[in-house]
Amino acid sequence: MNGYEGLRTGSAWIDLSARGTIRVTGDDRARLLHAMSTNHVQGLGEGAGLYTFFLNEKGRILADAYIYNFGESLLVDTEPETARSLLAHLDRYVIADDVTLQDETGRWTVIGLEGPASEPTAVRLGIAVPRGRDGVLEWGDGFVTRVASTGPTGIRIFLLVEERHNFMARLTAAGIPHATAEEARIVRLENGKPRYGEEINDRYLVAETRQLQAVHFDKGCYLGQEIVERVRSRGQVHRHLTAVEFNGAVAPAPGTKLVSGDTPVAEIASAVYSPALGKSVGLAYARTEALENNLPMTVEGSDPPIAARLAIAQNSSVAV
């Protein structure tokens, strides 16, 4: 079994060590992150985690992250693209607060053990599996959290850098395949799971991404909240991130328009060819009328025309 098949049908491991990590300590740590993010950090119990967005004052998404509560500290786990910018963004708002931000990027080897059999595989390897979505549990000199980057099931293992080679050798000896970044990306798009830095960036508003698990609508004030609430209350969302599939093996490039007749109704964010499905799949920002009326679409400029259709991706968090 290769890494691609493991992620789809069994288990495989992914090297996620480039992710950014920020340790937040001090008496005001939860208050600061609560005021800076879209989810309810002050309600986060010890041993729990959550997924959240960080916005600017115009409601645009600057970063996404998981936040884990270790009791005496909070750890922010973010994408490689936003590691430095998020640290600088948070630091600008530490004024009279009792908060210390420590950049731990590069301290950790981060391994994603993912796929439908990932949790039984972890148990077989003696790896502790936290309870509950996004839960966190200390393990050895590191910790394990119950999050996944490619689909609905997986755990993320944080180990000290010096343990990297021994742990990878242990995975190899146990017969667990390594999934490359490209294999992981294919499975992620097959499952309709977006990633900040590709399908989500600072062009977009929260409602447009449809990742509402990142938002607590009754938490009180936070940076960008006014825009989030205005969009929600007025229903002013003109495009939505949506799973899409194409006839044929050619995956349209990001930015390619999908048209209904001569009218652009969607824009490709990412697309790949899926060997298992025998067609190309991806994520696109589709206009509301295209979703509501399930308009027939083709890839703009394709000759012969390549048909595209909105899809309910398996385990998709952005399904129609």
C-alpha atoms as a PDB file:
ATOM      1  CA  MET A   1       0.000   0.000   0.000  1.00  0.00           C
ATOM      2  CA  ASN A   2       1.387   3.411  -0.929  1.00  0.00           C
ATOM      3  CA  GLY A   3       0.753   6.657   0.895  1.00  0.00           C
ATOM      4  CA  TYR A   4      -2.162   7.695  -1.311  1.00  0.00           C
ATOM      5  CA  GLU A   5      -3.985   4.397  -0.793  1.00  0.00           C
ATOM      6  CA  GLY A   6      -3.220   4.503   2.919  1.00  0.00           C
ATOM      7  CA  LEU A   7      -4.826   7.913   3.346  1.00  0.00           C
ATOM      8  CA  ARG A   8      -7.894   6.778   1.416  1.00  0.00           C
ATOM      9  CA  THR A   9      -8.484   3.294   2.791  1.00  0.00           C
ATOM     10  CA  GLY A  10      -6.143   2.607   5.724  1.00  0.00           C
ATOM     11  CA  SER A  11      -3.539   4.805   7.337  1.00  0.00           C
ATOM     12  CA  ALA A  12      -0.430   6.702   6.287  1.00  0.00           C
ATOM     13  CA  TRP A  13       1.804   9.343   7.801  1.00  0.00           C
ATOM     14  CA  ILE A  14       2.524  12.869   6.571  1.00  0.00           C
ATOM     15  CA  ASP A  15       5.418  15.115   7.601  1.00  0.00           C
ATOM     16  CA  LEU A  16       3.852  18.378   8.805  1.00  0.00           C
ATOM     17  CA  SER A  17       6.926  19.720  10.593  1.00  0.00           C
ATOM     18  CA  ALA A  18       6.870  23.006   8.677  1.00  0.00           C
ATOM     19  CA  ARG A  19       3.736  24.102  10.561  1.00  0.00           C
ATOM     20  CA  GLY A  20       4.038  27.134  12.811  1.00  0.00           C
ATOM     21  CA  THR A  21       3.641  26.831  16.579  1.00  0.00           C
ATOM     22  CA  ILE A  22       3.271  29.695  19.051  1.00  0.00           C
ATOM     23  CA  ARG A  23       3.232  29.129  22.826  1.00  0.00           C
ATOM     24  CA  VAL A  24       1.104  31.688  24.687  1.00  0.00           C
ATOM     25  CA  THR A  25       1.556  32.121  28.444  1.00  0.00           C
ATOM     26  CA  GLY A  26       0.581  34.687  31.079  1.00  0.00           C
ATOM     27  CA  ASP A  27      -2.612  35.410  32.991  1.00  0.00           C
ATOM     28  CA  ASP A  28      -4.233  37.180  30.019  1.00  0.00           C
ATOM     29  CA  ARG A  29      -3.418  34.499  27.423  1.00  0.00           C
ATOM     30  CA  ALA A  30      -6.990  33.249  26.930  1.00  0.00           C
ATOM     31  CA  ARG A  31      -8.440  36.771  26.974  1.00  0.00           C
ATOM     32  CA  LEU A  32      -6.045  37.926  24.231  1.00  0.00           C
ATOM     33  CA  LEU A  33      -6.638  34.965  21.910  1.00  0.00           C
ATOM     34  CA  HIS A  34     -10.372  35.169  22.568  1.00  0.00           C
ATOM     35  CA  ALA A  35     -10.402  38.821  21.473  1.00  0.00           C
ATOM     36  CA  MET A  36      -8.279  38.104  18.405  1.00  0.00           C
ATOM     37  CA  SER A  37      -9.994  35.012  16.983  1.00  0.00           C
ATOM     38  CA  THR A  38     -13.434  33.867  15.866  1.00  0.00           C
ATOM     39  CA  ASN A  39     -13.925  30.972  18.293  1.00  0.00           C
ATOM     40  CA  HIS A  40     -14.571  30.754  22.039  1.00  0.00           C
ATOM     41  CA  VAL A  41     -11.069  30.476  23.500  1.00  0.00           C
ATOM     42  CA  GLN A  42     -12.116  31.538  27.006  1.00  0.00           C
ATOM     43  CA  GLY A  43     -14.472  28.573  27.119  1.00  0.00           C
ATOM     44  CA  LEU A  44     -11.752  26.095  26.145  1.00  0.00           C
ATOM     45  CA  GLY A  45     -11.105  23.561  28.899  1.00  0.00           C
ATOM     46  CA  GLU A  46      -7.749  22.035  29.728  1.00  0.00           C
ATOM     47  CA  GLY A  47      -6.984  19.154  27.373  1.00  0.00           C
ATOM     48  CA  ALA A  48      -9.320  20.536  24.706  1.00  0.00           C
ATOM     49  CA  GLY A  49      -8.666  22.226  21.392  1.00  0.00           C
ATOM     50  CA  LEU A  50     -10.556  24.199  18.778  1.00  0.00           C
ATOM     51  CA  TYR A  51     -10.273  25.438  15.215  1.00  0.00           C
ATOM     52  CA  THR A  52     -10.443  29.182  14.591  1.00  0.00           C
ATOM     53  CA  PHE A  53      -9.782  32.054  12.196  1.00  0.00           C
ATOM     54  CA  PHE A  54      -7.817  35.235  12.832  1.00  0.00           C
ATOM     55  CA  LEU A  55      -9.247  38.246  10.982  1.00  0.00           C
ATOM     56  CA  ASN A  56      -8.295  41.809  10.222  1.00  0.00           C
ATOM     57  CA  GLU A  57     -10.583  44.740  10.978  1.00  0.00           C
ATOM     58  CA  LYS A  58     -12.266  44.305   7.567  1.00  0.00           C
ATOM     59  CA  GLY A  59     -13.227  40.725   8.352  1.00  0.00           C
ATOM     60  CA  ARG A  60     -10.727  39.197   5.921  1.00  0.00           C
ATOM     61  CA  ILE A  61      -9.024  35.974   7.018  1.00  0.00           C
ATOM     62  CA  LEU A  62      -5.375  36.451   7.968  1.00  0.00           C
ATOM     63  CA  ALA A  63      -4.779  32.897   9.214  1.00  0.00           C
ATOM     64  CA  ASP A  64      -6.425  29.803  10.562  1.00  0.00           C
ATOM     65  CA  ALA A  65      -5.175  27.744  13.484  1.00  0.00           C
ATOM     66  CA  TYR A  66      -5.871  25.105  16.056  1.00  0.00           C
ATOM     67  CA  ILE A  67      -5.542  26.258  19.660  1.00  0.00           C
ATOM     68  CA  TYR A  68      -4.784  23.675  22.359  1.00  0.00           C
ATOM     69  CA  ASN A  69      -5.172  24.256  26.106  1.00  0.00           C
ATOM     70  CA  PHE A  70      -2.362  22.806  28.239  1.00  0.00           C
ATOM     71  CA  GLY A  71      -3.566  24.418  31.476  1.00  0.00           C
ATOM     72  CA  GLU A  72      -0.621  26.758  32.106  1.00  0.00           C
ATOM     73  CA  SER A  73      -0.300  27.673  28.422  1.00  0.00           C
ATOM     74  CA  LEU A  74      -2.102  27.731  25.098  1.00  0.00           C
ATOM     75  CA  LEU A  75      -0.460  26.528  21.904  1.00  0.00           C
ATOM     76  CA  VAL A  76      -1.379  27.964  18.512  1.00  0.00           C
ATOM     77  CA  ASP A  77      -0.823  25.503  15.625  1.00  0.00           C
ATOM     78  CA  THR A  78      -0.968  27.218  12.234  1.00  0.00           C
ATOM     79  CA  GLU A  79      -0.001  26.741   8.586  1.00  0.00           C
ATOM     80  CA  PRO A  80       3.610  27.280   7.435  1.00  0.00           C
ATOM     81  CA  GLU A  81       2.518  30.275   5.340  1.00  0.00           C
ATOM     82  CA  THR A  82       1.151  32.119   8.377  1.00  0.00           C
ATOM     83  CA  ALA A  83       3.645  31.204  11.110  1.00  0.00           C
ATOM     84  CA  ARG A  84       5.561  34.512  11.115  1.00  0.00           C
ATOM     85  CA  SER A  85       2.731  36.817  10.117  1.00  0.00           C
ATOM     86  CA  LEU A  86       0.376  35.477  12.799  1.00  0.00           C
ATOM     87  CA  LEU A  87       3.034  35.871  15.490  1.00  0.00           C
ATOM     88  CA  ALA A  88       3.608  39.484  14.410  1.00  0.00           C
ATOM     89  CA  HIS A  89      -0.149  40.115  14.241  1.00  0.00           C
ATOM     90  CA  LEU A  90      -0.694  38.878  17.800  1.00  0.00           C
ATOM     91  CA  ASP A  91       2.341  40.729  19.108  1.00  0.00           C
ATOM     92  CA  ARG A  92       0.961  44.063  17.860  1.00  0.00           C
ATOM     93  CA  TYR A  93      -2.013  43.674  20.197  1.00  0.00           C
ATOM     94  CA  VAL A  94      -0.056  42.747  23.336  1.00  0.00           C
ATOM     95  CA  ILE A  95       0.016  46.150  25.034  1.00  0.00           C
ATOM     96  CA  ALA A  96      -0.650  46.099  28.768  1.00  0.00           C
ATOM     97  CA  ASP A  97      -1.558  42.406  28.807  1.00  0.00           C
ATOM     98  CA  ASP A  98       0.187  39.773  30.897  1.00  0.00           C
ATOM     99  CA  VAL A  99       0.968  37.698  27.819  1.00  0.00           C
ATOM    100  CA  THR A 100       4.166  36.182  26.469  1.00  0.00           C
ATOM    101  CA  LEU A 101       4.368  34.854  22.919  1.00  0.00           C
ATOM    102  CA  GLN A 102       7.075  32.286  22.247  1.00  0.00           C
ATOM    103  CA  ASP A 103       7.768  31.080  18.726  1.00  0.00           C
ATOM    104  CA  GLU A 104       8.195  27.293  18.923  1.00  0.00           C
ATOM    105  CA  THR A 105       8.271  26.752  15.161  1.00  0.00           C
ATOM    106  CA  GLY A 106      11.120  24.386  14.444  1.00  0.00           C
ATOM    107  CA  ARG A 107      11.108  22.947  17.964  1.00  0.00           C
ATOM    108  CA  TRP A 108       8.691  20.180  17.008  1.00  0.00           C
ATOM    109  CA  THR A 109       8.638  17.327  14.553  1.00  0.00           C
ATOM    110  CA  VAL A 110       4.978  17.147  13.544  1.00  0.00           C
ATOM    111  CA  ILE A 111       3.574  13.946  12.064  1.00  0.00           C
ATOM    112  CA  GLY A 112       0.040  13.500  10.800  1.00  0.00           C
ATOM    113  CA  LEU A 113      -1.157   9.906  11.077  1.00  0.00           C
ATOM    114  CA  GLU A 114      -4.260   9.973   8.905  1.00  0.00           C
ATOM    115  CA  GLY A 115      -6.802   7.818   7.107  1.00  0.00           C
ATOM    116  CA  PRO A 116      -9.850   5.773   8.186  1.00  0.00           C
ATOM    117  CA  ALA A 117      -7.683   3.299  10.145  1.00  0.00           C
ATOM    118  CA  SER A 118      -5.403   5.919  11.714  1.00  0.00           C
ATOM    119  CA  GLU A 119      -6.733   5.644  15.257  1.00  0.00           C
ATOM    120  CA  PRO A 120      -6.479   1.815  15.468  1.00  0.00           C
ATOM    121  CA  THR A 121      -3.001   2.142  13.976  1.00  0.00           C
ATOM    122  CA  ALA A 122      -2.065   4.655  16.674  1.00  0.00           C
ATOM    123  CA  VAL A 123      -3.320   2.339  19.405  1.00  0.00           C
ATOM    124  CA  ARG A 124      -1.296  -0.522  17.898  1.00  0.00           C
ATOM    125  CA  LEU A 125       1.804   1.686  18.072  1.00  0.00           C
ATOM    126  CA  GLY A 126       1.125   2.650  21.683  1.00  0.00           C
ATOM    127  CA  ILE A 127       0.284   6.245  20.823  1.00  0.00           C
ATOM    128  CA  ALA A 128      -2.259   7.912  23.087  1.00  0.00           C
ATOM    129  CA  VAL A 129      -5.393   9.092  21.261  1.00  0.00           C
ATOM    130  CA  PRO A 130      -7.218  12.060  22.830  1.00  0.00           C
ATOM    131  CA  ARG A 131     -10.971  11.995  23.281  1.00  0.00           C
ATOM    132  CA  GLY A 132     -13.151  14.432  21.406  1.00  0.00           C
ATOM    133  CA  ARG A 133     -12.575  16.451  18.275  1.00  0.00           C
ATOM    134  CA  ASP A 134      -9.441  18.623  18.504  1.00  0.00           C
ATOM    135  CA  GLY A 135      -8.632  17.200  21.951  1.00  0.00           C
ATOM    136  CA  VAL A 136      -5.014  17.201  23.110  1.00  0.00           C
ATOM    137  CA  LEU A 137      -3.066  14.795  25.312  1.00  0.00           C
ATOM    138  CA  GLU A 138       0.529  14.926  26.471  1.00  0.00           C
ATOM    139  CA  TRP A 139       2.554  11.961  25.267  1.00  0.00           C
ATOM    140  CA  GLY A 140       6.167  11.454  26.273  1.00  0.00           C
ATOM    141  CA  ASP A 141       8.015  14.746  25.827  1.00  0.00           C
ATOM    142  CA  GLY A 142       5.458  15.868  23.269  1.00  0.00           C
ATOM    143  CA  PHE A 143       1.735  15.632  22.731  1.00  0.00           C
ATOM    144  CA  VAL A 144      -0.955  14.266  20.437  1.00  0.00           C
ATOM    145  CA  THR A 145      -4.039  16.024  19.138  1.00  0.00           C
ATOM    146  CA  ARG A 146      -7.058  14.655  17.323  1.00  0.00           C
ATOM    147  CA  VAL A 147      -7.038  16.671  14.103  1.00  0.00           C
ATOM    148  CA  ALA A 148      -6.466  15.765  10.458  1.00  0.00           C
ATOM    149  CA  SER A 149      -5.359  17.701   7.386  1.00  0.00           C
ATOM    150  CA  THR A 150      -6.667  15.439   4.589  1.00  0.00           C
ATOM    151  CA  GLY A 151     -10.043  14.150   5.751  1.00  0.00           C
ATOM    152  CA  PRO A 152     -12.241  13.479   8.758  1.00  0.00           C
ATOM    153  CA  THR A 153     -10.006  11.041  10.644  1.00  0.00           C
ATOM    154  CA  GLY A 154      -6.491  11.381  11.977  1.00  0.00           C
ATOM    155  CA  ILE A 155      -4.202  12.424  14.775  1.00  0.00           C
ATOM    156  CA  ARG A 156      -1.333  14.901  14.845  1.00  0.00           C
ATOM    157  CA  ILE A 157       1.765  13.948  16.811  1.00  0.00           C
ATOM    158  CA  PHE A 158       4.194  16.580  18.131  1.00  0.00           C
ATOM    159  CA  LEU A 159       7.634  15.241  19.047  1.00  0.00           C
ATOM    160  CA  LEU A 160      10.860  16.986  19.977  1.00  0.00           C
ATOM    161  CA  VAL A 161      13.067  17.418  16.909  1.00  0.00           C
ATOM    162  CA  GLU A 162      15.703  15.032  18.225  1.00  0.00           C
ATOM    163  CA  GLU A 163      13.122  12.215  18.225  1.00  0.00           C
ATOM    164  CA  ARG A 164      12.330  12.676  14.535  1.00  0.00           C
ATOM    165  CA  HIS A 165      14.429   9.954  12.920  1.00  0.00           C
ATOM    166  CA  ASN A 166      13.692   7.284  15.514  1.00  0.00           C
ATOM    167  CA  PHE A 167       9.944   7.844  15.267  1.00  0.00           C
ATOM    168  CA  MET A 168       9.951   7.797  11.464  1.00  0.00           C
ATOM    169  CA  ALA A 169      11.950   4.586  11.535  1.00  0.00           C
ATOM    170  CA  ARG A 170       9.366   3.139  13.907  1.00  0.00           C
ATOM    171  CA  LEU A 171       6.560   4.013  11.490  1.00  0.00           C
ATOM    172  CA  THR A 172       8.449   2.434   8.595  1.00  0.00           C
ATOM    173  CA  ALA A 173       9.165  -0.728  10.595  1.00  0.00           C
ATOM    174  CA  ALA A 174       5.453  -1.010  11.392  1.00  0.00           C
ATOM    175  CA  GLY A 175       4.651  -0.971   7.672  1.00  0.00           C
ATOM    176  CA  ILE A 176       2.867   2.382   7.715  1.00  0.00           C
ATOM    177  CA  PRO A 177       3.394   4.119   4.369  1.00  0.00           C
ATOM    178  CA  HIS A 178       4.624   7.674   4.040  1.00  0.00           C
ATOM    179  CA  ALA A 179       2.294   9.946   2.050  1.00  0.00           C
ATOM    180  CA  THR A 180       4.011  12.673   0.071  1.00  0.00           C
ATOM    181  CA  ALA A 181       2.740  16.241   0.115  1.00  0.00           C
ATOM    182  CA  GLU A 182       1.196  15.735  -3.331  1.00  0.00           C
ATOM    183  CA  GLU A 183      -0.541  12.502  -2.304  1.00  0.00           C
ATOM    184  CA  ALA A 184      -1.917  14.251   0.769  1.00  0.00           C
ATOM    185  CA  ARG A 185      -3.138  17.156  -1.358  1.00  0.00           C
ATOM    186  CA  ILE A 186      -5.008  14.829  -3.725  1.00  0.00           C
ATOM    187  CA  VAL A 187      -6.806  13.088  -0.870  1.00  0.00           C
ATOM    188  CA  ARG A 188      -7.550  16.406   0.809  1.00  0.00           C
ATOM    189  CA  LEU A 189      -9.252  17.693  -2.347  1.00  0.00           C
ATOM    190  CA  GLU A 190     -11.063  14.390  -2.891  1.00  0.00           C
ATOM    191  CA  ASN A 191     -12.521  14.951   0.586  1.00  0.00           C
ATOM    192  CA  GLY A 192     -13.313  18.604  -0.131  1.00  0.00           C
ATOM    193  CA  LYS A 193     -11.169  19.846   2.760  1.00  0.00           C
ATOM    194  CA  PRO A 194      -9.764  23.361   2.235  1.00  0.00           C
ATOM    195  CA  ARG A 195      -6.395  24.622   3.460  1.00  0.00           C
ATOM    196  CA  TYR A 196      -5.325  28.138   4.332  1.00  0.00           C
ATOM    197  CA  GLY A 197      -2.713  29.262   1.831  1.00  0.00           C
ATOM    198  CA  GLU A 198      -4.413  27.515  -1.079  1.00  0.00           C
ATOM    199  CA  GLU A 199      -8.211  27.701  -1.081  1.00  0.00           C
ATOM    200  CA  ILE A 200      -8.513  30.174   1.798  1.00  0.00           C
ATOM    201  CA  ASN A 201      -6.585  33.436   2.067  1.00  0.00           C
ATOM    202  CA  ASP A 202      -7.063  37.095   2.912  1.00  0.00           C
ATOM    203  CA  ARG A 203      -9.289  37.662  -0.141  1.00  0.00           C
ATOM    204  CA  TYR A 204     -12.156  35.920   1.588  1.00  0.00           C
ATOM    205  CA  LEU A 205     -14.720  36.466   4.297  1.00  0.00           C
ATOM    206  CA  VAL A 206     -15.576  33.770   6.840  1.00  0.00           C
ATOM    207  CA  ALA A 207     -19.035  33.045   5.408  1.00  0.00           C
ATOM    208  CA  GLU A 208     -17.615  32.560   1.918  1.00  0.00           C
ATOM    209  CA  THR A 209     -15.406  29.671   3.095  1.00  0.00           C
ATOM    210  CA  ARG A 210     -18.329  27.808   4.747  1.00  0.00           C
ATOM    211  CA  GLN A 211     -15.975  26.760   7.558  1.00  0.00           C
ATOM    212  CA  LEU A 212     -18.384  27.821  10.274  1.00  0.00           C
ATOM    213  CA  GLN A 213     -16.946  25.320  12.761  1.00  0.00           C
ATOM    214  CA  ALA A 214     -14.282  28.019  13.221  1.00  0.00           C
ATOM    215  CA  VAL A 215     -16.795  30.575  14.505  1.00  0.00           C
ATOM    216  CA  HIS A 216     -18.677  31.011  17.782  1.00  0.00           C
ATOM    217  CA  PHE A 217     -21.499  33.447  17.066  1.00  0.00           C
ATOM    218  CA  ASP A 218     -22.343  34.219  20.715  1.00  0.00           C
ATOM    219  CA  LYS A 219     -18.852  34.759  22.138  1.00  0.00           C
ATOM    220  CA  GLY A 220     -18.799  38.555  22.239  1.00  0.00           C
ATOM    221  CA  CYS A 221     -16.438  41.033  20.609  1.00  0.00           C
ATOM    222  CA  TYR A 222     -13.373  40.094  18.589  1.00  0.00           C
ATOM    223  CA  LEU A 223     -11.378  41.698  15.807  1.00  0.00           C
ATOM    224  CA  GLY A 224     -13.443  41.571  12.606  1.00  0.00           C
ATOM    225  CA  GLN A 225     -16.664  40.520  14.357  1.00  0.00           C
ATOM    226  CA  GLU A 226     -18.684  43.467  13.061  1.00  0.00           C
ATOM    227  CA  ILE A 227     -18.165  42.330   9.469  1.00  0.00           C
ATOM    228  CA  VAL A 228     -18.902  38.679  10.272  1.00  0.00           C
ATOM    229  CA  GLU A 229     -22.180  39.619  11.966  1.00  0.00           C
ATOM    230  CA  ARG A 230     -23.187  42.088   9.261  1.00  0.00           C
ATOM    231  CA  VAL A 231     -22.729  39.480   6.546  1.00  0.00           C
ATOM    232  CA  ARG A 232     -24.634  36.885   8.556  1.00  0.00           C
ATOM    233  CA  SER A 233     -27.552  39.136   9.507  1.00  0.00           C
ATOM    234  CA  ARG A 234     -28.029  40.547   6.015  1.00  0.00           C
ATOM    235  CA  GLY A 235     -27.310  37.332   4.136  1.00  0.00           C
ATOM    236  CA  GLN A 236     -24.893  39.164   1.873  1.00  0.00           C
ATOM    237  CA  VAL A 237     -22.841  36.221   0.684  1.00  0.00           C
ATOM    238  CA  HIS A 238     -22.376  36.166  -3.066  1.00  0.00           C
ATOM    239  CA  ARG A 239     -19.975  33.221  -3.367  1.00  0.00           C
ATOM    240  CA  HIS A 240     -19.313  30.021  -1.465  1.00  0.00           C
ATOM    241  CA  LEU A 241     -16.419  27.572  -1.399  1.00  0.00           C
ATOM    242  CA  THR A 242     -17.772  24.399  -2.955  1.00  0.00           C
ATOM    243  CA  ALA A 243     -16.562  20.965  -4.015  1.00  0.00           C
ATOM    244  CA  VAL A 244     -16.515  20.577  -7.790  1.00  0.00           C
ATOM    245  CA  GLU A 245     -15.648  17.781 -10.229  1.00  0.00           C
ATOM    246  CA  PHE A 246     -14.794  17.726 -13.913  1.00  0.00           C
ATOM    247  CA  ASN A 247     -15.174  15.353 -16.823  1.00  0.00           C
ATOM    248  CA  GLY A 248     -11.750  14.158 -17.889  1.00  0.00           C
ATOM    249  CA  ALA A 249      -8.264  14.023 -16.476  1.00  0.00           C
ATOM    250  CA  VAL A 250      -7.149  17.624 -16.984  1.00  0.00           C
ATOM    251  CA  ALA A 251      -7.313  19.617 -13.751  1.00  0.00           C
ATOM    252  CA  PRO A 252      -7.991  23.321 -14.396  1.00  0.00           C
ATOM    253  CA  ALA A 253      -5.484  25.773 -12.964  1.00  0.00           C
ATOM    254  CA  PRO A 254      -6.352  27.967  -9.968  1.00  0.00           C
ATOM    255  CA  GLY A 255      -8.112  31.118 -11.114  1.00  0.00           C
ATOM    256  CA  THR A 256      -9.802  29.401 -14.065  1.00  0.00           C
ATOM    257  CA  LYS A 257     -13.393  30.531 -14.489  1.00  0.00           C
ATOM    258  CA  LEU A 258     -16.350  28.183 -14.807  1.00  0.00           C
ATOM    259  CA  VAL A 259     -19.093  29.507 -17.033  1.00  0.00           C
ATOM    260  CA  SER A 260     -22.771  28.806 -17.518  1.00  0.00           C
ATOM    261  CA  GLY A 261     -23.417  29.798 -21.099  1.00  0.00           C
ATOM    262  CA  ASP A 262     -21.220  32.863 -21.433  1.00  0.00           C
ATOM    263  CA  THR A 263     -21.577  33.959 -17.812  1.00  0.00           C
ATOM    264  CA  PRO A 264     -18.792  33.303 -15.260  1.00  0.00           C
ATOM    265  CA  VAL A 265     -20.376  31.658 -12.220  1.00  0.00           C
ATOM    266  CA  ALA A 266     -17.405  30.160 -10.354  1.00  0.00           C
ATOM    267  CA  GLU A 267     -13.634  30.372  -9.995  1.00  0.00           C
ATOM    268  CA  ILE A 268     -11.331  27.422  -9.361  1.00  0.00           C
ATOM    269  CA  ALA A 269      -9.341  27.625  -6.118  1.00  0.00           C
ATOM    270  CA  SER A 270      -7.580  24.243  -6.502  1.00  0.00           C
ATOM    271  CA  ALA A 271      -8.004  21.125  -8.618  1.00  0.00           C
ATOM    272  CA  VAL A 272      -6.196  17.800  -9.081  1.00  0.00           C
ATOM    273  CA  TYR A 273      -6.620  14.578 -10.968  1.00  0.00           C
ATOM    274  CA  SER A 274      -7.894  11.782  -8.721  1.00  0.00           C
ATOM    275  CA  PRO A 275      -6.500   8.368  -9.738  1.00  0.00           C
ATOM    276  CA  ALA A 276      -9.097   6.561  -7.605  1.00  0.00           C
ATOM    277  CA  LEU A 277     -12.053   8.467  -9.036  1.00  0.00           C
ATOM    278  CA  GLY A 278     -10.733   8.631 -12.597  1.00  0.00           C
ATOM    279  CA  LYS A 279     -11.561  12.320 -12.941  1.00  0.00           C
ATOM    280  CA  SER A 280     -10.438  15.714 -11.737  1.00  0.00           C
ATOM    281  CA  VAL A 281     -11.826  17.186  -8.528  1.00  0.00           C
ATOM    282  CA  GLY A 282     -11.293  20.388  -6.626  1.00  0.00           C
ATOM    283  CA  LEU A 283     -12.697  23.344  -4.768  1.00  0.00           C
ATOM    284  CA  ALA A 284     -14.149  26.478  -6.322  1.00  0.00           C
ATOM    285  CA  TYR A 285     -15.802  29.674  -5.193  1.00  0.00           C
ATOM    286  CA  ALA A 286     -19.229  29.475  -6.820  1.00  0.00           C
ATOM    287  CA  ARG A 287     -21.773  32.252  -7.022  1.00  0.00           C
ATOM    288  CA  THR A 288     -24.901  31.810  -4.930  1.00  0.00           C
ATOM    289  CA  GLU A 289     -27.181  31.479  -7.965  1.00  0.00           C
ATOM    290  CA  ALA A 290     -25.027  28.673  -9.370  1.00  0.00           C
ATOM    291  CA  LEU A 291     -25.435  26.762  -6.124  1.00  0.00           C
ATOM    292  CA  GLU A 292     -29.123  27.429  -5.682  1.00  0.00           C
ATOM    293  CA  ASN A 293     -29.996  26.477  -9.264  1.00  0.00           C
ATOM    294  CA  ASN A 294     -27.267  23.848  -9.785  1.00  0.00           C
ATOM    295  CA  LEU A 295     -26.391  25.543 -13.062  1.00  0.00           C
ATOM    296  CA  PRO A 296     -24.640  23.510 -15.776  1.00  0.00           C
ATOM    297  CA  MET A 297     -21.054  24.716 -16.129  1.00  0.00           C
ATOM    298  CA  THR A 298     -18.036  24.288 -18.364  1.00  0.00           C
ATOM    299  CA  VAL A 299     -14.405  25.276 -17.980  1.00  0.00           C
ATOM    300  CA  GLU A 300     -13.947  28.631 -19.684  1.00  0.00           C
ATOM    301  CA  GLY A 301     -11.951  28.392 -22.906  1.00  0.00           C
ATOM    302  CA  SER A 302     -11.874  24.581 -23.011  1.00  0.00           C
ATOM    303  CA  ASP A 303     -12.135  23.053 -26.482  1.00  0.00           C
ATOM    304  CA  PRO A 304     -13.860  20.660 -26.607  1.00  0.00           C
ATOM    305  CA  PRO A 305     -15.856  21.951 -23.594  1.00  0.00           C
ATOM    306  CA  ILE A 306     -14.975  20.330 -20.258  1.00  0.00           C
ATOM    307  CA  ALA A 307     -18.108  19.903 -18.175  1.00  0.00           C
ATOM    308  CA  ALA A 308     -17.964  20.824 -14.495  1.00  0.00           C
ATOM    309  CA  ARG A 309     -20.510  20.130 -11.792  1.00  0.00           C
ATOM    310  CA  LEU A 310     -20.889  20.975  -8.161  1.00  0.00           C
ATOM    311  CA  ALA A 311     -20.268  17.903  -6.052  1.00  0.00           C
ATOM    312  CA  ILE A 312     -20.935  16.663  -2.584  1.00  0.00           C
ATOM    313  CA  ALA A 313     -17.422  15.448  -1.823  1.00  0.00           C
ATOM    314  CA  GLN A 314     -16.992  12.494   0.496  1.00  0.00           C
ATOM    315  CA  ASN A 315     -16.631  13.847   4.052  1.00  0.00           C
ATOM    316  CA  SER A 316     -16.596  17.364   2.609  1.00  0.00           C
ATOM    317  CA  SER A 317     -16.771  20.287   5.007  1.00  0.00           C
ATOM    318  CA  VAL A 318     -17.874  22.461   2.086  1.00  0.00           C
ATOM    319  CA  ALA A 319     -20.458  20.164   0.540  1.00  0.00           C
ATOM    320  CA  VAL A 320     -23.403  21.651  -1.332  1.00  0.00           C
END
